[in-house]
Protein backbone atom coordinates (compact mmCIF):
# COMPACT_ATOMS: atom_id res chain seq x y z
CA MET A 1 111.88 173.88 198.57
CA ALA A 2 113.27 170.91 200.54
CA ARG A 3 115.84 170.30 197.80
CA ALA A 4 117.15 173.87 198.06
CA VAL A 5 117.43 173.60 201.85
CA LEU A 6 119.37 170.35 201.50
CA LEU A 7 121.88 171.95 199.16
CA ARG A 8 122.36 175.12 201.20
CA ALA A 9 122.73 173.28 204.49
CA GLY A 10 125.34 170.84 203.21
CA GLY A 11 127.32 172.83 200.68
CA THR A 12 127.49 172.05 197.01
CA LEU A 13 128.02 168.29 197.24
CA ALA A 14 129.23 166.97 193.87
CA THR A 15 126.85 169.15 191.94
CA ASP A 16 127.30 169.90 188.30
CA VAL A 17 128.71 173.42 188.30
CA SER A 18 126.72 174.40 185.22
CA THR A 19 123.35 173.26 186.60
CA GLY A 20 123.75 173.17 190.38
CA ARG A 21 122.02 169.79 190.50
CA VAL A 22 122.94 166.84 192.72
CA ARG A 23 124.45 163.94 190.74
CA ILE A 24 123.05 160.44 191.20
CA LEU A 25 124.28 157.25 189.54
CA VAL A 26 121.61 154.58 188.99
CA VAL A 27 123.00 151.07 188.52
CA ASP A 28 120.65 148.31 187.35
CA ASP A 29 120.87 145.66 184.66
CA CYS A 30 117.20 146.23 183.79
CA PRO A 31 116.81 149.25 181.47
CA ILE A 32 113.16 149.73 182.46
CA VAL A 33 114.03 150.11 186.15
CA ARG A 34 116.89 152.49 185.30
CA HIS A 35 114.59 154.64 183.17
CA ILE A 36 111.82 154.75 185.79
CA LEU A 37 114.29 155.82 188.46
CA ALA A 38 115.94 158.34 186.14
CA PHE A 39 112.57 159.84 185.22
CA THR A 40 111.49 160.07 188.87
CA LEU A 41 114.76 161.64 190.00
CA LYS A 42 115.05 164.06 187.08
CA ASN A 43 111.53 165.31 187.81
CA GLU A 44 112.81 166.27 191.28
CA GLY A 45 115.71 168.23 189.79
CA PHE A 46 118.50 165.67 190.23
CA GLU A 47 121.10 165.03 187.54
CA VAL A 48 121.00 161.30 186.79
CA TRP A 49 123.51 159.02 185.11
CA GLU A 50 122.73 155.39 184.32
CA SER A 51 124.88 152.27 184.37
CA ASP A 52 123.96 148.69 183.44
CA GLY A 53 126.24 146.96 185.96
CA MET A 54 129.12 147.11 188.37
CA PRO A 55 131.96 147.34 185.82
CA THR A 56 130.47 150.34 184.01
CA ALA A 57 129.46 151.90 187.33
CA LEU A 58 133.04 151.76 188.58
CA SER A 59 134.29 153.31 185.33
CA THR A 60 131.73 156.10 185.61
CA LEU A 61 132.53 156.69 189.29
CA THR A 62 136.21 156.93 188.46
CA ALA A 63 135.59 159.48 185.70
CA MET A 64 133.09 161.72 187.56
CA SER A 65 132.02 162.64 191.07
CA PHE A 66 128.61 161.65 192.41
CA ASP A 67 126.56 162.48 195.47
CA LEU A 68 124.69 159.17 195.61
CA VAL A 69 124.63 155.70 194.05
CA ILE A 70 121.47 153.62 193.74
CA ALA A 71 122.28 149.99 192.86
CA ASP A 72 120.18 146.89 192.24
CA ALA A 73 120.71 144.09 194.75
CA TYR A 74 120.95 141.44 192.03
CA MET A 75 122.95 141.97 188.85
CA PRO A 76 124.93 139.41 186.87
CA SER A 77 128.10 141.55 186.74
CA GLY A 78 128.26 142.18 190.50
CA SER A 79 125.54 142.91 193.02
CA GLY A 80 124.63 146.23 194.54
CA VAL A 81 125.97 144.84 197.81
CA ASP A 82 129.31 144.13 196.09
CA LEU A 83 129.35 147.69 194.76
CA ALA A 84 128.51 149.15 198.19
CA ARG A 85 131.28 147.08 199.77
CA HIS A 86 133.80 148.28 197.16
CA LEU A 87 132.83 151.93 197.57
CA SER A 88 132.90 151.75 201.37
CA THR A 89 136.44 150.34 201.35
CA THR A 90 137.97 152.63 198.71
CA ALA A 91 139.23 155.96 200.03
CA ARG A 92 138.07 158.15 197.14
CA PHE A 93 134.50 156.80 197.36
CA LEU A 94 134.01 156.74 201.15
CA SER A 95 131.68 159.73 201.25
CA ILE A 96 129.29 158.44 198.56
CA PRO A 97 126.22 156.82 200.12
CA VAL A 98 124.74 153.77 198.42
CA LEU A 99 121.07 152.79 198.34
CA ILE A 100 120.18 149.20 197.41
CA LEU A 101 117.19 148.34 195.22
CA GLY A 102 115.48 145.09 196.18
CA ALA A 103 112.49 143.20 194.87
CA CYS A 104 111.71 141.46 198.14
CA GLU A 105 111.64 142.05 201.87
CA ASP A 106 114.68 139.85 202.49
CA ALA A 107 115.94 140.66 206.00
CA THR A 108 119.23 138.84 205.39
CA LEU A 109 119.94 140.82 202.22
CA LYS A 110 119.10 144.07 204.00
CA GLU A 111 121.55 143.21 206.79
CA GLU A 112 124.24 142.28 204.23
CA SER A 113 123.60 145.64 202.53
CA ARG A 114 124.06 147.54 205.79
CA ALA A 115 127.20 145.56 206.64
CA ALA A 116 128.59 146.40 203.17
CA GLY A 117 128.12 150.13 203.79
CA ALA A 118 124.73 150.85 202.19
CA VAL A 119 122.75 153.56 203.98
CA GLY A 120 119.29 152.47 202.87
CA TRP A 121 116.97 150.26 200.87
CA ILE A 122 114.51 151.05 198.07
CA PRO A 123 111.85 148.34 197.65
CA LYS A 124 110.49 147.23 194.30
CA PRO A 125 108.00 147.86 192.88
CA LEU A 126 109.14 151.46 192.88
CA GLU A 127 106.91 154.12 194.40
CA PRO A 128 108.10 157.60 193.32
CA GLN A 129 107.43 159.43 196.60
CA ALA A 130 109.11 156.68 198.63
CA VAL A 131 112.14 156.79 196.30
CA ILE A 132 112.47 160.56 196.72
CA GLY A 133 112.16 160.29 200.51
CA VAL A 134 114.90 157.67 200.73
CA VAL A 135 117.14 159.65 198.35
CA ARG A 136 116.80 162.79 200.48
CA TYR A 137 117.61 160.75 203.59
CA ALA A 138 120.73 159.34 201.90
CA LEU A 139 121.91 162.83 200.93
CA VAL A 140 121.62 163.90 204.57
CA LYS A 141 123.67 160.82 205.52
CA ARG A 142 126.29 161.92 202.99
CA ARG A 143 126.69 165.26 204.74
CA GLU A 144 127.10 163.43 208.04
CA ARG A 145 129.89 161.30 206.51
CA ASP A 146 131.65 164.25 204.89
CA PRO A 147 130.54 167.59 206.39
CA MET A 148 133.02 169.56 204.25
CA ARG A 149 131.21 168.69 201.02
């Protein structure tokens, strides 16, 4: 029920017209983490796309519209912080919130994430209910950034 209220209150976001589901891009170089997140999010009704790093994420973001990006803090091809910084400084991506995945409680990294434009943090190991709560929060933040969506 909360998912339906989110969508009605904020418009259609970047939903897939054929399914009406919110689109989320998960970016992580670890396939296991990507699959766990995808499974968790799909079970909540989200449409999930996966990317193994920043270069493929940028290609995917250029080809499609997304409501949210979840990116790992540490990836060899560019960090989640780098991706958040790029999205927050590129006009066509300004309204897409970014959540950073992190394996530790690193206060410096969290501050760098916020400064780069990320709206939240998902700690590892992943806890499904916590992930869903943070994702819903980020979608509310998206509507605040771009109320016309």
